[in-house]
């Protein structure tokens, strides 16, 4: 098998290419979110029909089956998202409100050295992660585990699985160095686009004198893509304006990665 760092770099580049080759204009989907707090023995379901303009995440949402309508950022997050990019993310959940916010940013194109007859070996490595293969990895379906190096903070990608057929990430986990927050995203190719089909968001929340874990399990169904606005209110480019007041949000910033995959070249004498 190729080195884990090289497998990771290739996966990042393939994901970025898939993400930018044919981005959807509009996405329509039904989301089913099941919120649990095991320590409290409580659950809640939040289900919505969502129509979103992908470029700026402007969405019209209707509570299922026949509930009220709201306008704002796509809930829980837009399913078109590359976690190997720069982004801003915040998550808060309780039984009165679930607030998840995502602002997508710059993608990465890692420069991988081309074959060179004058070079005996090319050793790819990441300065910000230590990478290794999990025991169940295969050449066709790598399973990579990552640990941030010293000096990192905030959210980081901790695990990656590659789909053998598409060679795109099928499962990505992110963890936060400052808390117990974990984000797990499952991907599939839908109408030729690499998109989220399932996710879990978990973290401890604090309320006055107690702390308890909250897990939001999200399933995206009936994902469809269109070039024309399914709702005329999505035509044009008005800025998203939330129709409900936001609650407390704990913000996390994915630190811009200043270094890309590096390579040490061993020259022939």
C-alpha atoms as a PDB file:
ATOM      1  CA  UNK A   1       0.000   0.000   0.000  1.00  0.00           C
ATOM      2  CA  UNK A   2       1.106   3.569  -0.631  1.00  0.00           C
ATOM      3  CA  UNK A   3       2.049   5.648   2.435  1.00  0.00           C
ATOM      4  CA  UNK A   4      -0.948   6.782   4.485  1.00  0.00           C
ATOM      5  CA  UNK A   5       0.011  10.447   4.047  1.00  0.00           C
ATOM      6  CA  UNK A   6      -0.044  10.085   0.275  1.00  0.00           C
ATOM      7  CA  UNK A   7      -3.408   8.258   0.385  1.00  0.00           C
ATOM      8  CA  UNK A   8      -4.772  11.107   2.493  1.00  0.00           C
ATOM      9  CA  UNK A   9      -3.447  13.789   0.126  1.00  0.00           C
ATOM     10  CA  UNK A  10      -4.947  12.017  -2.899  1.00  0.00           C
ATOM     11  CA  UNK A  11      -8.294  11.710  -1.106  1.00  0.00           C
ATOM     12  CA  UNK A  12      -8.298  15.419  -0.244  1.00  0.00           C
ATOM     13  CA  UNK A  13      -7.575  16.358  -3.859  1.00  0.00           C
ATOM     14  CA  UNK A  14     -10.216  13.999  -5.264  1.00  0.00           C
ATOM     15  CA  UNK A  15     -12.822  15.372  -2.847  1.00  0.00           C
ATOM     16  CA  UNK A  16     -11.987  18.954  -3.819  1.00  0.00           C
ATOM     17  CA  UNK A  17     -12.167  18.092  -7.513  1.00  0.00           C
ATOM     18  CA  UNK A  18     -15.521  16.352  -7.093  1.00  0.00           C
ATOM     19  CA  UNK A  19     -16.799  19.301  -5.067  1.00  0.00           C
ATOM     20  CA  UNK A  20     -15.873  21.908  -7.697  1.00  0.00           C
ATOM     21  CA  UNK A  21     -16.441  20.050 -10.979  1.00  0.00           C
ATOM     22  CA  UNK A  22     -20.241  20.344 -11.152  1.00  0.00           C
ATOM     23  CA  UNK A  23     -21.629  22.034  -8.029  1.00  0.00           C
ATOM     24  CA  UNK A  24     -25.418  21.873  -7.741  1.00  0.00           C
ATOM     25  CA  UNK A  25     -27.373  25.113  -8.068  1.00  0.00           C
ATOM     26  CA  UNK A  26     -30.366  24.062  -5.951  1.00  0.00           C
ATOM     27  CA  UNK A  27     -30.763  21.098  -3.605  1.00  0.00           C
ATOM     28  CA  UNK A  28     -34.059  19.774  -2.253  1.00  0.00           C
ATOM     29  CA  UNK A  29     -34.193  17.234   0.562  1.00  0.00           C
ATOM     30  CA  UNK A  30     -36.042  15.997   3.617  1.00  0.00           C
ATOM     31  CA  UNK A  31     -34.025  15.867   6.831  1.00  0.00           C
ATOM     32  CA  UNK A  32     -34.890  13.782   9.869  1.00  0.00           C
ATOM     33  CA  UNK A  33     -33.058  14.786  13.044  1.00  0.00           C
ATOM     34  CA  UNK A  34     -33.345  12.714  16.222  1.00  0.00           C
ATOM     35  CA  UNK A  35     -31.989  14.473  19.318  1.00  0.00           C
ATOM     36  CA  UNK A  36     -31.205  12.471  22.447  1.00  0.00           C
ATOM     37  CA  UNK A  37     -29.805  13.203  25.896  1.00  0.00           C
ATOM     38  CA  UNK A  38     -29.217   9.731  27.359  1.00  0.00           C
ATOM     39  CA  UNK A  39     -28.389  10.992  30.850  1.00  0.00           C
ATOM     40  CA  UNK A  40     -31.718  12.799  30.989  1.00  0.00           C
ATOM     41  CA  UNK A  41     -33.723  10.072  29.267  1.00  0.00           C
ATOM     42  CA  UNK A  42     -35.149  12.576  26.785  1.00  0.00           C
ATOM     43  CA  UNK A  43     -35.578  12.614  23.010  1.00  0.00           C
ATOM     44  CA  UNK A  44     -36.925  14.984  20.381  1.00  0.00           C
ATOM     45  CA  UNK A  45     -37.467  14.792  16.612  1.00  0.00           C
ATOM     46  CA  UNK A  46     -36.983  17.715  14.239  1.00  0.00           C
ATOM     47  CA  UNK A  47     -38.004  16.925  10.665  1.00  0.00           C
ATOM     48  CA  UNK A  48     -38.044  19.423   7.818  1.00  0.00           C
ATOM     49  CA  UNK A  49     -38.421  19.734   4.066  1.00  0.00           C
ATOM     50  CA  UNK A  50     -35.609  21.964   2.807  1.00  0.00           C
ATOM     51  CA  UNK A  51     -34.997  23.745  -0.488  1.00  0.00           C
ATOM     52  CA  UNK A  52     -31.595  25.453  -0.577  1.00  0.00           C
ATOM     53  CA  UNK A  53     -29.649  27.598  -3.011  1.00  0.00           C
ATOM     54  CA  UNK A  54     -26.263  25.961  -2.686  1.00  0.00           C
ATOM     55  CA  UNK A  55     -24.015  28.923  -3.535  1.00  0.00           C
ATOM     56  CA  UNK A  56     -24.926  30.981  -0.454  1.00  0.00           C
ATOM     57  CA  UNK A  57     -26.819  28.416   1.668  1.00  0.00           C
ATOM     58  CA  UNK A  58     -30.074  30.420   1.447  1.00  0.00           C
ATOM     59  CA  UNK A  59     -32.908  28.017   2.291  1.00  0.00           C
ATOM     60  CA  UNK A  60     -36.656  27.810   2.700  1.00  0.00           C
ATOM     61  CA  UNK A  61     -37.632  25.168   5.268  1.00  0.00           C
ATOM     62  CA  UNK A  62     -40.961  23.664   6.265  1.00  0.00           C
ATOM     63  CA  UNK A  63     -41.535  21.559   9.363  1.00  0.00           C
ATOM     64  CA  UNK A  64     -42.809  18.092   8.493  1.00  0.00           C
ATOM     65  CA  UNK A  65     -45.427  16.907   7.990  1.00  0.00           C
ATOM     66  CA  UNK A  66     -47.439  20.147   7.773  1.00  0.00           C
ATOM     67  CA  UNK A  67     -45.762  22.622  10.076  1.00  0.00           C
ATOM     68  CA  UNK A  68     -44.566  26.193   9.906  1.00  0.00           C
ATOM     69  CA  UNK A  69     -42.089  27.680   7.476  1.00  0.00           C
ATOM     70  CA  UNK A  70     -38.788  29.429   8.146  1.00  0.00           C
ATOM     71  CA  UNK A  71     -36.039  31.063   6.100  1.00  0.00           C
ATOM     72  CA  UNK A  72     -32.299  31.051   6.793  1.00  0.00           C
ATOM     73  CA  UNK A  73     -29.269  28.779   6.621  1.00  0.00           C
ATOM     74  CA  UNK A  74     -30.091  25.215   5.527  1.00  0.00           C
ATOM     75  CA  UNK A  75     -30.880  22.967   8.493  1.00  0.00           C
ATOM     76  CA  UNK A  76     -29.016  21.203   9.935  1.00  0.00           C
ATOM     77  CA  UNK A  77     -26.203  21.943   7.462  1.00  0.00           C
ATOM     78  CA  UNK A  78     -26.167  22.094   3.682  1.00  0.00           C
ATOM     79  CA  UNK A  79     -25.404  18.552   2.423  1.00  0.00           C
ATOM     80  CA  UNK A  80     -22.819  19.902  -0.040  1.00  0.00           C
ATOM     81  CA  UNK A  81     -19.742  20.365   2.138  1.00  0.00           C
ATOM     82  CA  UNK A  82     -16.056  19.410   2.013  1.00  0.00           C
ATOM     83  CA  UNK A  83     -14.682  19.014   5.577  1.00  0.00           C
ATOM     84  CA  UNK A  84     -11.106  19.210   4.250  1.00  0.00           C
ATOM     85  CA  UNK A  85     -11.563  22.941   3.637  1.00  0.00           C
ATOM     86  CA  UNK A  86     -11.428  26.072   5.715  1.00  0.00           C
ATOM     87  CA  UNK A  87     -14.780  26.617   7.401  1.00  0.00           C
ATOM     88  CA  UNK A  88     -16.559  28.061  10.422  1.00  0.00           C
ATOM     89  CA  UNK A  89     -18.847  25.778  12.400  1.00  0.00           C
ATOM     90  CA  UNK A  90     -20.984  26.135  15.522  1.00  0.00           C
ATOM     91  CA  UNK A  91     -23.233  23.644  17.273  1.00  0.00           C
ATOM     92  CA  UNK A  92     -25.676  23.921  20.156  1.00  0.00           C
ATOM     93  CA  UNK A  93     -28.526  21.595  21.053  1.00  0.00           C
ATOM     94  CA  UNK A  94     -31.097  21.238  23.796  1.00  0.00           C
ATOM     95  CA  UNK A  95     -34.784  20.386  23.884  1.00  0.00           C
ATOM     96  CA  UNK A  96     -35.927  23.888  23.076  1.00  0.00           C
ATOM     97  CA  UNK A  97     -33.596  24.547  20.186  1.00  0.00           C
ATOM     98  CA  UNK A  98     -30.986  23.042  17.900  1.00  0.00           C
ATOM     99  CA  UNK A  99     -28.630  25.568  16.308  1.00  0.00           C
ATOM    100  CA  UNK A 100     -26.053  24.333  13.816  1.00  0.00           C
ATOM    101  CA  UNK A 101     -24.249  26.847  11.645  1.00  0.00           C
ATOM    102  CA  UNK A 102     -21.752  26.214   8.860  1.00  0.00           C
ATOM    103  CA  UNK A 103     -19.874  28.741   6.730  1.00  0.00           C
ATOM    104  CA  UNK A 104     -17.899  27.113   3.951  1.00  0.00           C
ATOM    105  CA  UNK A 105     -14.551  28.480   2.822  1.00  0.00           C
ATOM    106  CA  UNK A 106     -11.448  27.810   0.764  1.00  0.00           C
ATOM    107  CA  UNK A 107     -10.679  24.343  -0.597  1.00  0.00           C
ATOM    108  CA  UNK A 108      -7.212  22.831  -0.715  1.00  0.00           C
ATOM    109  CA  UNK A 109      -5.300  21.564  -3.721  1.00  0.00           C
ATOM    110  CA  UNK A 110      -2.254  19.724  -2.428  1.00  0.00           C
ATOM    111  CA  UNK A 111       0.750  19.720  -4.738  1.00  0.00           C
ATOM    112  CA  UNK A 112       2.001  16.165  -5.165  1.00  0.00           C
ATOM    113  CA  UNK A 113       5.412  15.754  -6.859  1.00  0.00           C
ATOM    114  CA  UNK A 114       5.400  14.166 -10.285  1.00  0.00           C
ATOM    115  CA  UNK A 115       7.615  11.137 -11.004  1.00  0.00           C
ATOM    116  CA  UNK A 116      11.239  12.135 -11.459  1.00  0.00           C
ATOM    117  CA  UNK A 117      13.893   9.769 -12.809  1.00  0.00           C
ATOM    118  CA  UNK A 118      16.593  11.563 -10.810  1.00  0.00           C
ATOM    119  CA  UNK A 119      14.878  10.864  -7.483  1.00  0.00           C
ATOM    120  CA  UNK A 120      15.308   7.603  -5.576  1.00  0.00           C
ATOM    121  CA  UNK A 121      12.389   8.144  -3.192  1.00  0.00           C
ATOM    122  CA  UNK A 122       9.595  10.598  -2.453  1.00  0.00           C
ATOM    123  CA  UNK A 123       8.389  10.544   1.147  1.00  0.00           C
ATOM    124  CA  UNK A 124       5.049  12.355   1.534  1.00  0.00           C
ATOM    125  CA  UNK A 125       4.072  13.625   4.952  1.00  0.00           C
ATOM    126  CA  UNK A 126       1.773  16.116   6.692  1.00  0.00           C
ATOM    127  CA  UNK A 127       3.237  18.483   9.247  1.00  0.00           C
ATOM    128  CA  UNK A 128      -0.115  18.963  11.011  1.00  0.00           C
ATOM    129  CA  UNK A 129      -1.232  15.317  11.306  1.00  0.00           C
ATOM    130  CA  UNK A 130       0.313  11.988  12.050  1.00  0.00           C
ATOM    131  CA  UNK A 131      -1.433   9.450   9.861  1.00  0.00           C
ATOM    132  CA  UNK A 132      -1.701   5.679   9.895  1.00  0.00           C
ATOM    133  CA  UNK A 133      -3.809   2.987   8.320  1.00  0.00           C
ATOM    134  CA  UNK A 134      -6.468   1.281  10.432  1.00  0.00           C
ATOM    135  CA  UNK A 135      -6.215  -2.538  10.562  1.00  0.00           C
ATOM    136  CA  UNK A 136      -9.130  -3.009   8.148  1.00  0.00           C
ATOM    137  CA  UNK A 137      -7.598  -0.860   5.386  1.00  0.00           C
ATOM    138  CA  UNK A 138      -7.200  -2.261   1.891  1.00  0.00           C
ATOM    139  CA  UNK A 139      -5.514  -0.705  -1.163  1.00  0.00           C
ATOM    140  CA  UNK A 140      -8.935  -0.165  -2.779  1.00  0.00           C
ATOM    141  CA  UNK A 141     -10.681   1.104   0.359  1.00  0.00           C
ATOM    142  CA  UNK A 142      -8.218   2.874   2.660  1.00  0.00           C
ATOM    143  CA  UNK A 143      -9.225   3.590   6.248  1.00  0.00           C
ATOM    144  CA  UNK A 144      -6.996   6.328   7.649  1.00  0.00           C
ATOM    145  CA  UNK A 145      -6.728   7.516  11.248  1.00  0.00           C
ATOM    146  CA  UNK A 146      -5.205  10.911  12.037  1.00  0.00           C
ATOM    147  CA  UNK A 147      -3.913  12.640  15.148  1.00  0.00           C
ATOM    148  CA  UNK A 148      -3.013  16.338  15.212  1.00  0.00           C
ATOM    149  CA  UNK A 149       0.574  17.284  15.943  1.00  0.00           C
ATOM    150  CA  UNK A 150       1.594  19.637  18.724  1.00  0.00           C
ATOM    151  CA  UNK A 151       0.326  23.194  18.433  1.00  0.00           C
ATOM    152  CA  UNK A 152      -3.004  22.375  16.765  1.00  0.00           C
ATOM    153  CA  UNK A 153      -6.318  23.478  18.229  1.00  0.00           C
ATOM    154  CA  UNK A 154     -10.016  23.327  17.449  1.00  0.00           C
ATOM    155  CA  UNK A 155     -11.661  20.864  15.096  1.00  0.00           C
ATOM    156  CA  UNK A 156      -9.566  18.379  13.173  1.00  0.00           C
ATOM    157  CA  UNK A 157     -10.284  15.431  10.886  1.00  0.00           C
ATOM    158  CA  UNK A 158      -9.612  12.298  12.932  1.00  0.00           C
ATOM    159  CA  UNK A 159     -10.784   9.498  10.642  1.00  0.00           C
ATOM    160  CA  UNK A 160     -11.379   8.905   6.948  1.00  0.00           C
ATOM    161  CA  UNK A 161     -12.803   6.008   4.983  1.00  0.00           C
ATOM    162  CA  UNK A 162     -12.579   5.829   1.189  1.00  0.00           C
ATOM    163  CA  UNK A 163     -15.262   4.191  -0.928  1.00  0.00           C
ATOM    164  CA  UNK A 164     -13.755   1.521  -3.164  1.00  0.00           C
ATOM    165  CA  UNK A 165     -16.040   2.299  -6.119  1.00  0.00           C
ATOM    166  CA  UNK A 166     -15.913   6.114  -6.249  1.00  0.00           C
ATOM    167  CA  UNK A 167     -12.536   6.566  -4.497  1.00  0.00           C
ATOM    168  CA  UNK A 168     -14.149   9.473  -2.645  1.00  0.00           C
ATOM    169  CA  UNK A 169     -14.498   9.765   1.135  1.00  0.00           C
ATOM    170  CA  UNK A 170     -17.488   7.778   2.400  1.00  0.00           C
ATOM    171  CA  UNK A 171     -17.040   8.544   6.103  1.00  0.00           C
ATOM    172  CA  UNK A 172     -15.287  11.456   7.793  1.00  0.00           C
ATOM    173  CA  UNK A 173     -15.022  12.140  11.525  1.00  0.00           C
ATOM    174  CA  UNK A 174     -14.013  15.418  13.098  1.00  0.00           C
ATOM    175  CA  UNK A 175     -13.094  15.935  16.752  1.00  0.00           C
ATOM    176  CA  UNK A 176     -12.444  18.993  18.845  1.00  0.00           C
ATOM    177  CA  UNK A 177      -9.239  19.244  20.859  1.00  0.00           C
ATOM    178  CA  UNK A 178     -10.905  21.543  23.398  1.00  0.00           C
ATOM    179  CA  UNK A 179     -14.023  19.494  24.147  1.00  0.00           C
ATOM    180  CA  UNK A 180     -15.729  16.133  23.624  1.00  0.00           C
ATOM    181  CA  UNK A 181     -17.458  17.312  20.439  1.00  0.00           C
ATOM    182  CA  UNK A 182     -17.535  14.744  17.615  1.00  0.00           C
ATOM    183  CA  UNK A 183     -18.954  15.179  14.113  1.00  0.00           C
ATOM    184  CA  UNK A 184     -19.362  12.104  11.908  1.00  0.00           C
ATOM    185  CA  UNK A 185     -20.445  12.510   8.274  1.00  0.00           C
ATOM    186  CA  UNK A 186     -21.421   9.762   5.831  1.00  0.00           C
ATOM    187  CA  UNK A 187     -21.215  10.545   2.118  1.00  0.00           C
ATOM    188  CA  UNK A 188     -22.576   9.063  -1.092  1.00  0.00           C
ATOM    189  CA  UNK A 189     -22.598  10.083  -4.745  1.00  0.00           C
ATOM    190  CA  UNK A 190     -26.066  11.469  -5.537  1.00  0.00           C
ATOM    191  CA  UNK A 191     -26.818  12.431  -9.142  1.00  0.00           C
ATOM    192  CA  UNK A 192     -23.088  12.630  -9.784  1.00  0.00           C
ATOM    193  CA  UNK A 193     -22.399  14.842  -6.749  1.00  0.00           C
ATOM    194  CA  UNK A 194     -20.532  13.924  -3.581  1.00  0.00           C
ATOM    195  CA  UNK A 195     -22.986  14.740  -0.798  1.00  0.00           C
ATOM    196  CA  UNK A 196     -23.758  14.084   2.864  1.00  0.00           C
ATOM    197  CA  UNK A 197     -26.489  11.492   3.419  1.00  0.00           C
ATOM    198  CA  UNK A 198     -26.164  11.000   7.181  1.00  0.00           C
ATOM    199  CA  UNK A 199     -24.435  12.655  10.110  1.00  0.00           C
ATOM    200  CA  UNK A 200     -24.165  12.734  13.881  1.00  0.00           C
ATOM    201  CA  UNK A 201     -23.264  15.715  16.038  1.00  0.00           C
ATOM    202  CA  UNK A 202     -22.470  15.088  19.701  1.00  0.00           C
ATOM    203  CA  UNK A 203     -21.154  17.243  22.532  1.00  0.00           C
ATOM    204  CA  UNK A 204     -21.657  17.971  26.210  1.00  0.00           C
ATOM    205  CA  UNK A 205     -23.923  20.903  26.983  1.00  0.00           C
ATOM    206  CA  UNK A 206     -23.966  22.827  30.255  1.00  0.00           C
ATOM    207  CA  UNK A 207     -27.035  24.161  32.019  1.00  0.00           C
ATOM    208  CA  UNK A 208     -26.580  26.068  35.296  1.00  0.00           C
ATOM    209  CA  UNK A 209     -25.645  23.254  37.708  1.00  0.00           C
ATOM    210  CA  UNK A 210     -25.439  20.269  35.392  1.00  0.00           C
ATOM    211  CA  UNK A 211     -23.701  18.957  32.308  1.00  0.00           C
ATOM    212  CA  UNK A 212     -25.166  16.389  29.930  1.00  0.00           C
ATOM    213  CA  UNK A 213     -24.365  14.914  26.540  1.00  0.00           C
ATOM    214  CA  UNK A 214     -26.573  15.669  23.546  1.00  0.00           C
ATOM    215  CA  UNK A 215     -26.505  13.712  20.288  1.00  0.00           C
ATOM    216  CA  UNK A 216     -28.214  14.867  17.082  1.00  0.00           C
ATOM    217  CA  UNK A 217     -28.531  12.076  14.506  1.00  0.00           C
ATOM    218  CA  UNK A 218     -29.435  13.390  11.039  1.00  0.00           C
ATOM    219  CA  UNK A 219     -30.575  11.509   7.937  1.00  0.00           C
ATOM    220  CA  UNK A 220     -30.956  13.243   4.550  1.00  0.00           C
ATOM    221  CA  UNK A 221     -33.590  11.704   2.301  1.00  0.00           C
ATOM    222  CA  UNK A 222     -35.050  12.404  -1.151  1.00  0.00           C
ATOM    223  CA  UNK A 223     -32.028  14.436  -2.218  1.00  0.00           C
ATOM    224  CA  UNK A 224     -32.637  16.009  -5.624  1.00  0.00           C
ATOM    225  CA  UNK A 225     -30.685  18.552  -7.633  1.00  0.00           C
ATOM    226  CA  UNK A 226     -31.993  21.147 -10.073  1.00  0.00           C
ATOM    227  CA  UNK A 227     -30.676  24.072 -12.132  1.00  0.00           C
ATOM    228  CA  UNK A 228     -33.872  26.101 -11.804  1.00  0.00           C
ATOM    229  CA  UNK A 229     -35.300  27.362  -8.528  1.00  0.00           C
ATOM    230  CA  UNK A 230     -37.845  24.901  -7.061  1.00  0.00           C
ATOM    231  CA  UNK A 231     -39.295  27.899  -5.213  1.00  0.00           C
ATOM    232  CA  UNK A 232     -39.356  31.328  -6.924  1.00  0.00           C
ATOM    233  CA  UNK A 233     -38.229  32.961  -3.677  1.00  0.00           C
ATOM    234  CA  UNK A 234     -34.828  31.342  -4.187  1.00  0.00           C
ATOM    235  CA  UNK A 235     -34.283  33.024  -7.553  1.00  0.00           C
ATOM    236  CA  UNK A 236     -31.895  35.971  -7.500  1.00  0.00           C
ATOM    237  CA  UNK A 237     -29.431  36.524  -4.694  1.00  0.00           C
ATOM    238  CA  UNK A 238     -30.931  38.034  -1.525  1.00  0.00           C
ATOM    239  CA  UNK A 239     -28.808  37.441   1.585  1.00  0.00           C
ATOM    240  CA  UNK A 240     -30.103  34.783   3.997  1.00  0.00           C
ATOM    241  CA  UNK A 241     -32.050  36.326   6.869  1.00  0.00           C
ATOM    242  CA  UNK A 242     -33.033  34.084   9.769  1.00  0.00           C
ATOM    243  CA  UNK A 243     -36.731  34.180  10.615  1.00  0.00           C
ATOM    244  CA  UNK A 244     -36.152  33.091  14.211  1.00  0.00           C
ATOM    245  CA  UNK A 245     -33.845  34.527  16.859  1.00  0.00           C
ATOM    246  CA  UNK A 246     -30.650  32.494  17.342  1.00  0.00           C
ATOM    247  CA  UNK A 247     -29.844  30.915  20.685  1.00  0.00           C
ATOM    248  CA  UNK A 248     -26.489  30.601  22.401  1.00  0.00           C
ATOM    249  CA  UNK A 249     -23.867  29.290  20.040  1.00  0.00           C
ATOM    250  CA  UNK A 250     -20.462  27.863  20.764  1.00  0.00           C
ATOM    251  CA  UNK A 251     -18.218  28.688  17.848  1.00  0.00           C
ATOM    252  CA  UNK A 252     -15.410  26.561  16.484  1.00  0.00           C
ATOM    253  CA  UNK A 253     -13.102  27.603  13.693  1.00  0.00           C
ATOM    254  CA  UNK A 254     -11.288  25.088  11.574  1.00  0.00           C
ATOM    255  CA  UNK A 255      -7.826  26.603  11.562  1.00  0.00           C
ATOM    256  CA  UNK A 256      -6.541  27.442   8.111  1.00  0.00           C
ATOM    257  CA  UNK A 257      -3.907  24.888   7.316  1.00  0.00           C
ATOM    258  CA  UNK A 258      -0.795  26.847   6.458  1.00  0.00           C
ATOM    259  CA  UNK A 259       1.099  23.822   5.229  1.00  0.00           C
ATOM    260  CA  UNK A 260       0.078  21.256   2.665  1.00  0.00           C
ATOM    261  CA  UNK A 261       1.454  17.836   1.985  1.00  0.00           C
ATOM    262  CA  UNK A 262       5.222  18.140   1.862  1.00  0.00           C
ATOM    263  CA  UNK A 263       7.692  15.782   0.286  1.00  0.00           C
ATOM    264  CA  UNK A 264      11.241  14.951   1.109  1.00  0.00           C
ATOM    265  CA  UNK A 265      13.266  14.159  -2.004  1.00  0.00           C
ATOM    266  CA  UNK A 266      16.278  11.844  -1.791  1.00  0.00           C
ATOM    267  CA  UNK A 267      18.527  12.673  -4.730  1.00  0.00           C
ATOM    268  CA  UNK A 268      20.681  10.190  -6.575  1.00  0.00           C
ATOM    269  CA  UNK A 269      24.406  10.734  -5.889  1.00  0.00           C
END
